[in-house]
PDB file of N, CA and C in Angstrom:
ATOM      1  N   MET A   1     -23.558  -8.780  -4.110  1.00  0.00           N
ATOM      2  CA  MET A   1     -22.108  -7.855  -4.232  1.00  0.00           C
ATOM      3  C   MET A   1     -22.358  -7.359  -5.609  1.00  0.00           C
ATOM      4  N   GLN A   2     -21.903  -5.945  -5.611  1.00  0.00           N
ATOM      5  CA  GLN A   2     -21.946  -5.298  -6.972  1.00  0.00           C
ATOM      6  C   GLN A   2     -20.716  -5.521  -7.679  1.00  0.00           C
ATOM      7  N   LEU A   3     -20.804  -5.531  -8.893  1.00  0.00           N
ATOM      8  CA  LEU A   3     -19.547  -5.681  -9.818  1.00  0.00           C
ATOM      9  C   LEU A   3     -18.765  -6.865  -9.515  1.00  0.00           C
ATOM     10  N   HIS A   4     -19.540  -8.007  -9.453  1.00  0.00           N
ATOM     11  CA  HIS A   4     -18.885  -9.328  -9.223  1.00  0.00           C
ATOM     12  C   HIS A   4     -17.840  -9.654 -10.124  1.00  0.00           C
ATOM     13  N   TRP A   5     -18.028  -9.269 -11.391  1.00  0.00           N
ATOM     14  CA  TRP A   5     -17.054  -9.490 -12.460  1.00  0.00           C
ATOM     15  C   TRP A   5     -15.715  -8.759 -12.235  1.00  0.00           C
ATOM     16  N   LEU A   6     -15.773  -7.724 -11.436  1.00  0.00           N
ATOM     17  CA  LEU A   6     -14.553  -6.855 -11.262  1.00  0.00           C
ATOM     18  C   LEU A   6     -13.707  -7.625  -9.972  1.00  0.00           C
ATOM     19  N   ALA A   7     -14.649  -7.947  -9.204  1.00  0.00           N
ATOM     20  CA  ALA A   7     -13.904  -8.956  -8.062  1.00  0.00           C
ATOM     21  C   ALA A   7     -13.319 -10.129  -8.585  1.00  0.00           C
ATOM     22  N   ALA A   8     -14.057 -10.666  -9.474  1.00  0.00           N
ATOM     23  CA  ALA A   8     -13.507 -12.134  -9.924  1.00  0.00           C
ATOM     24  C   ALA A   8     -12.308 -11.719 -10.735  1.00  0.00           C
ATOM     25  N   LEU A   9     -12.167 -10.516 -11.458  1.00  0.00           N
ATOM     26  CA  LEU A   9     -10.973 -10.090 -12.128  1.00  0.00           C
ATOM     27  C   LEU A   9      -9.715 -10.139 -11.350  1.00  0.00           C
ATOM     28  N   PHE A  10      -9.920  -9.729 -10.145  1.00  0.00           N
ATOM     29  CA  PHE A  10      -8.882  -9.633  -9.134  1.00  0.00           C
ATOM     30  C   PHE A  10      -8.589 -10.962  -8.167  1.00  0.00           C
ATOM     31  N   GLY A  11      -9.381 -12.014  -8.558  1.00  0.00           N
ATOM     32  CA  GLY A  11      -9.176 -13.298  -7.846  1.00  0.00           C
ATOM     33  C   GLY A  11     -10.188 -13.414  -6.695  1.00  0.00           C
ATOM     34  N   GLY A  12     -11.204 -12.694  -6.831  1.00  0.00           N
ATOM     35  CA  GLY A  12     -12.348 -12.819  -5.598  1.00  0.00           C
ATOM     36  C   GLY A  12     -12.395 -11.533  -4.708  1.00  0.00           C
ATOM     37  N   PHE A  13     -13.207 -11.597  -3.773  1.00  0.00           N
ATOM     38  CA  PHE A  13     -13.516 -10.379  -2.863  1.00  0.00           C
ATOM     39  C   PHE A  13     -12.278 -10.113  -2.005  1.00  0.00           C
ATOM     40  N   ASP A  14     -11.767 -11.272  -1.449  1.00  0.00           N
ATOM     41  CA  ASP A  14     -10.739 -11.232  -0.398  1.00  0.00           C
ATOM     42  C   ASP A  14      -9.486 -10.858  -1.040  1.00  0.00           C
ATOM     43  N   ALA A  15      -9.143 -11.399  -2.276  1.00  0.00           N
ATOM     44  CA  ALA A  15      -7.941 -11.106  -3.096  1.00  0.00           C
ATOM     45  C   ALA A  15      -7.969  -9.582  -3.457  1.00  0.00           C
ATOM     46  N   ALA A  16      -9.291  -8.999  -3.948  1.00  0.00           N
ATOM     47  CA  ALA A  16      -9.322  -7.686  -4.131  1.00  0.00           C
ATOM     48  C   ALA A  16      -8.943  -6.673  -3.022  1.00  0.00           C
ATOM     49  N   ARG A  17      -9.373  -7.137  -1.862  1.00  0.00           N
ATOM     50  CA  ARG A  17      -9.001  -6.434  -0.716  1.00  0.00           C
ATOM     51  C   ARG A  17      -7.586  -6.341  -0.440  1.00  0.00           C
ATOM     52  N   VAL A  18      -6.835  -7.397  -0.781  1.00  0.00           N
ATOM     53  CA  VAL A  18      -5.349  -7.474  -0.428  1.00  0.00           C
ATOM     54  C   VAL A  18      -4.735  -6.712  -1.595  1.00  0.00           C
ATOM     55  N   TRP A  19      -5.223  -6.679  -2.814  1.00  0.00           N
ATOM     56  CA  TRP A  19      -4.788  -5.880  -3.953  1.00  0.00           C
ATOM     57  C   TRP A  19      -4.857  -4.229  -3.524  1.00  0.00           C
ATOM     58  N   HIS A  20      -6.054  -3.890  -3.084  1.00  0.00           N
ATOM     59  CA  HIS A  20      -6.213  -2.687  -2.705  1.00  0.00           C
ATOM     60  C   HIS A  20      -5.539  -2.253  -1.621  1.00  0.00           C
ATOM     61  N   ILE A  21      -5.144  -2.857  -0.521  1.00  0.00           N
ATOM     62  CA  ILE A  21      -4.358  -2.495   0.383  1.00  0.00           C
ATOM     63  C   ILE A  21      -2.911  -2.221  -0.017  1.00  0.00           C
ATOM     64  N   TRP A  22      -2.455  -3.207  -0.818  1.00  0.00           N
ATOM     65  CA  TRP A  22      -0.935  -2.961  -1.256  1.00  0.00           C
ATOM     66  C   TRP A  22      -0.892  -1.742  -2.232  1.00  0.00           C
ATOM     67  N   LEU A  23      -1.945  -1.709  -3.177  1.00  0.00           N
ATOM     68  CA  LEU A  23      -1.917  -0.582  -4.014  1.00  0.00           C
ATOM     69  C   LEU A  23      -1.973   0.799  -3.196  1.00  0.00           C
ATOM     70  N   MET A  24      -2.809   0.904  -2.210  1.00  0.00           N
ATOM     71  CA  MET A  24      -2.826   2.044  -1.440  1.00  0.00           C
ATOM     72  C   MET A  24      -1.614   2.430  -0.806  1.00  0.00           C
ATOM     73  N   TRP A  25      -0.987   1.516  -0.203  1.00  0.00           N
ATOM     74  CA  TRP A  25       0.323   1.641   0.412  1.00  0.00           C
ATOM     75  C   TRP A  25       1.214   2.167  -0.477  1.00  0.00           C
ATOM     76  N   LEU A  26       1.283   1.562  -1.865  1.00  0.00           N
ATOM     77  CA  LEU A  26       2.251   2.040  -2.873  1.00  0.00           C
ATOM     78  C   LEU A  26       2.061   3.537  -3.359  1.00  0.00           C
ATOM     79  N   PHE A  27       0.636   3.935  -3.289  1.00  0.00           N
ATOM     80  CA  PHE A  27       0.269   5.242  -3.726  1.00  0.00           C
ATOM     81  C   PHE A  27       0.625   6.072  -2.495  1.00  0.00           C
ATOM     82  N   ILE A  28       0.582   5.861  -1.238  1.00  0.00           N
ATOM     83  CA  ILE A  28       0.923   6.714  -0.196  1.00  0.00           C
ATOM     84  C   ILE A  28       2.313   6.913  -0.236  1.00  0.00           C
ATOM     85  N   LEU A  29       3.019   5.837  -0.377  1.00  0.00           N
ATOM     86  CA  LEU A  29       4.597   5.819  -0.445  1.00  0.00           C
ATOM     87  C   LEU A  29       5.259   6.807  -1.557  1.00  0.00           C
ATOM     88  N   PHE A  30       4.288   6.938  -2.568  1.00  0.00           N
ATOM     89  CA  PHE A  30       4.657   7.907  -3.801  1.00  0.00           C
ATOM     90  C   PHE A  30       4.223   9.240  -3.418  1.00  0.00           C
ATOM     91  N   VAL A  31       2.979   9.247  -2.982  1.00  0.00           N
ATOM     92  CA  VAL A  31       2.529  10.769  -2.797  1.00  0.00           C
ATOM     93  C   VAL A  31       3.172  11.586  -1.656  1.00  0.00           C
ATOM     94  N   VAL A  32       3.496  10.888  -0.379  1.00  0.00           N
ATOM     95  CA  VAL A  32       3.799  11.463   0.868  1.00  0.00           C
ATOM     96  C   VAL A  32       5.181  12.217   0.527  1.00  0.00           C
ATOM     97  N   PRO A  33       6.301  11.677  -0.009  1.00  0.00           N
ATOM     98  CA  PRO A  33       7.426  12.202  -0.200  1.00  0.00           C
ATOM     99  C   PRO A  33       7.443  13.372  -1.196  1.00  0.00           C
ATOM    100  N   HIS A  34       6.629  13.285  -2.240  1.00  0.00           N
ATOM    101  CA  HIS A  34       6.441  14.430  -3.222  1.00  0.00           C
ATOM    102  C   HIS A  34       5.709  15.536  -2.436  1.00  0.00           C
ATOM    103  N   VAL A  35       4.813  15.457  -1.700  1.00  0.00           N
ATOM    104  CA  VAL A  35       4.214  16.508  -0.980  1.00  0.00           C
ATOM    105  C   VAL A  35       5.285  17.169  -0.053  1.00  0.00           C
ATOM    106  N   ILE A  36       5.980  16.399   0.752  1.00  0.00           N
ATOM    107  CA  ILE A  36       7.139  17.009   1.345  1.00  0.00           C
ATOM    108  C   ILE A  36       8.113  17.802   0.661  1.00  0.00           C
ATOM    109  N   LEU A  37       8.396  17.322  -0.581  1.00  0.00           N
ATOM    110  CA  LEU A  37       9.359  18.000  -1.341  1.00  0.00           C
ATOM    111  C   LEU A  37       8.790  19.231  -1.928  1.00  0.00           C
ATOM    112  N   VAL A  38       7.396  19.284  -2.108  1.00  0.00           N
ATOM    113  CA  VAL A  38       6.769  20.598  -2.523  1.00  0.00           C
ATOM    114  C   VAL A  38       6.832  21.428  -1.364  1.00  0.00           C
ATOM    115  N   PHE A  39       6.558  21.086  -0.290  1.00  0.00           N
ATOM    116  CA  PHE A  39       6.577  22.107   0.909  1.00  0.00           C
ATOM    117  C   PHE A  39       8.049  22.539   1.291  1.00  0.00           C
ATOM    118  N   ALA A  40       8.945  21.620   0.949  1.00  0.00           N
ATOM    119  CA  ALA A  40      10.483  21.902   1.223  1.00  0.00           C
ATOM    120  C   ALA A  40      10.905  22.961   0.058  1.00  0.00           C
ATOM    121  N   ASP A  41      10.480  22.772  -1.103  1.00  0.00           N
ATOM    122  CA  ASP A  41      10.975  23.741  -2.179  1.00  0.00           C
ATOM    123  C   ASP A  41      10.098  25.086  -2.282  1.00  0.00           C
ATOM    124  N   GLY A  42       8.951  25.092  -1.555  1.00  0.00           N
ATOM    125  CA  GLY A  42       8.098  26.261  -1.686  1.00  0.00           C
ATOM    126  C   GLY A  42       7.008  26.272  -2.535  1.00  0.00           C
ATOM    127  N   TRP A  43       6.123  27.125  -2.467  1.00  0.00           N
ATOM    128  CA  TRP A  43       4.827  27.131  -3.095  1.00  0.00           C
ATOM    129  C   TRP A  43       5.134  27.542  -4.756  1.00  0.00           C
ATOM    130  N   ASP A  44       6.060  28.421  -4.900  1.00  0.00           N
ATOM    131  CA  ASP A  44       6.242  29.070  -6.293  1.00  0.00           C
ATOM    132  C   ASP A  44       6.697  27.932  -7.455  1.00  0.00           C
ATOM    133  N   PRO A  45       7.444  26.958  -7.168  1.00  0.00           N
ATOM    134  CA  PRO A  45       7.816  26.052  -8.108  1.00  0.00           C
ATOM    135  C   PRO A  45       6.598  25.334  -8.738  1.00  0.00           C
ATOM    136  N   LEU A  46       5.685  24.992  -7.715  1.00  0.00           N
ATOM    137  CA  LEU A  46       4.462  24.084  -8.076  1.00  0.00           C
ATOM    138  C   LEU A  46       3.509  24.922  -8.679  1.00  0.00           C
ATOM    139  N   ARG A  47       3.223  26.166  -8.089  1.00  0.00           N
ATOM    140  CA  ARG A  47       2.483  27.067  -8.885  1.00  0.00           C
ATOM    141  C   ARG A  47       2.977  27.457 -10.265  1.00  0.00           C
ATOM    142  N   SER A  48       4.111  27.599 -10.383  1.00  0.00           N
ATOM    143  CA  SER A  48       4.877  28.104 -11.669  1.00  0.00           C
ATOM    144  C   SER A  48       4.622  26.772 -12.820  1.00  0.00           C
ATOM    145  N   MET A  49       4.554  25.487 -12.264  1.00  0.00           N
ATOM    146  CA  MET A  49       4.247  24.319 -13.222  1.00  0.00           C
ATOM    147  C   MET A  49       2.988  24.433 -13.737  1.00  0.00           C
ATOM    148  N   ILE A  50       1.940  24.849 -12.896  1.00  0.00           N
ATOM    149  CA  ILE A  50       0.464  24.881 -13.058  1.00  0.00           C
ATOM    150  C   ILE A  50       0.220  26.056 -13.908  1.00  0.00           C
ATOM    151  N   ALA A  51       0.694  27.228 -13.511  1.00  0.00           N
ATOM    152  CA  ALA A  51       0.297  28.590 -14.102  1.00  0.00           C
ATOM    153  C   ALA A  51       1.184  29.012 -15.322  1.00  0.00           C
ATOM    154  N   GLY A  52       2.422  28.265 -15.498  1.00  0.00           N
ATOM    155  CA  GLY A  52       3.339  28.716 -16.541  1.00  0.00           C
ATOM    156  C   GLY A  52       4.198  29.839 -16.287  1.00  0.00           C
ATOM    157  N   TRP A  53       4.126  30.434 -15.189  1.00  0.00           N
ATOM    158  CA  TRP A  53       5.194  31.519 -14.877  1.00  0.00           C
ATOM    159  C   TRP A  53       5.457  31.635 -13.496  1.00  0.00           C
ATOM    160  N   SER A  54       6.712  32.132 -13.107  1.00  0.00           N
ATOM    161  CA  SER A  54       7.255  32.299 -11.786  1.00  0.00           C
ATOM    162  C   SER A  54       7.447  33.635 -11.215  1.00  0.00           C
ATOM    163  N   THR A  55       7.068  33.878 -10.020  1.00  0.00           N
ATOM    164  CA  THR A  55       7.270  35.275  -9.458  1.00  0.00           C
ATOM    165  C   THR A  55       8.783  35.335  -8.978  1.00  0.00           C
ATOM    166  N   LYS A  56       9.614  34.454  -9.116  1.00  0.00           N
ATOM    167  CA  LYS A  56      11.053  34.447  -8.606  1.00  0.00           C
ATOM    168  C   LYS A  56      11.874  35.046  -9.833  1.00  0.00           C
ATOM    169  N   VAL A  57      11.289  35.072 -11.047  1.00  0.00           N
ATOM    170  CA  VAL A  57      11.995  35.406 -12.221  1.00  0.00           C
ATOM    171  C   VAL A  57      11.318  36.781 -12.523  1.00  0.00           C
ATOM    172  N   ASP A  58      12.168  37.906 -12.768  1.00  0.00           N
ATOM    173  CA  ASP A  58      11.607  39.168 -13.105  1.00  0.00           C
ATOM    174  C   ASP A  58      11.107  39.104 -14.614  1.00  0.00           C
ATOM    175  N   ARG A  59      10.216  39.717 -15.034  1.00  0.00           N
ATOM    176  CA  ARG A  59       9.584  39.573 -16.470  1.00  0.00           C
ATOM    177  C   ARG A  59      10.732  40.353 -17.231  1.00  0.00           C
ATOM    178  N   SER A  60      11.300  41.267 -16.934  1.00  0.00           N
ATOM    179  CA  SER A  60      12.264  42.081 -17.747  1.00  0.00           C
ATOM    180  C   SER A  60      13.662  41.024 -18.212  1.00  0.00           C
ATOM    181  N   GLU A  61      13.817  40.122 -17.068  1.00  0.00           N
ATOM    182  CA  GLU A  61      15.078  39.138 -17.408  1.00  0.00           C
ATOM    183  C   GLU A  61      14.490  38.303 -18.585  1.00  0.00           C
ATOM    184  N   VAL A  62      13.249  37.753 -18.597  1.00  0.00           N
ATOM    185  CA  VAL A  62      12.818  36.824 -19.567  1.00  0.00           C
ATOM    186  C   VAL A  62      12.792  37.480 -20.933  1.00  0.00           C
ATOM    187  N   ILE A  63      12.292  38.781 -20.930  1.00  0.00           N
ATOM    188  CA  ILE A  63      12.302  39.406 -22.185  1.00  0.00           C
ATOM    189  C   ILE A  63      13.617  39.839 -22.794  1.00  0.00           C
ATOM    190  N   ALA A  64      14.578  40.155 -21.909  1.00  0.00           N
ATOM    191  CA  ALA A  64      15.929  40.481 -22.251  1.00  0.00           C
ATOM    192  C   ALA A  64      16.553  39.190 -22.925  1.00  0.00           C
ATOM    193  N   ASN A  65      16.361  38.230 -22.386  1.00  0.00           N
ATOM    194  CA  ASN A  65      16.941  36.781 -22.848  1.00  0.00           C
ATOM    195  C   ASN A  65      16.399  36.315 -24.207  1.00  0.00           C
ATOM    196  N   GLU A  66      15.313  36.905 -24.515  1.00  0.00           N
ATOM    197  CA  GLU A  66      14.475  36.313 -25.883  1.00  0.00           C
ATOM    198  C   GLU A  66      15.257  36.846 -27.038  1.00  0.00           C
TER     199      GLU A  66
END
C-alpha cells in the first residue's frame, strides 16, 4: 500500500475509506446547491465575479456615479 503513513493518520485503510465517503458527500451537498443557484441566477453574475465587470450595468452608469 502506498502512503501507509497517510492511511494510518486516518485510522487505517478502512477508516480512510469511511472518511473519504463522508467528506465526498459533504462536498457534493455543498457544490450541487451552489451550481443550481448559479444556473438560476444566470451566467452574468458568475462571470462578473471572475472578470470584474457586468454586462447588465451600462458603463456610462458606472462612470456617472463616480
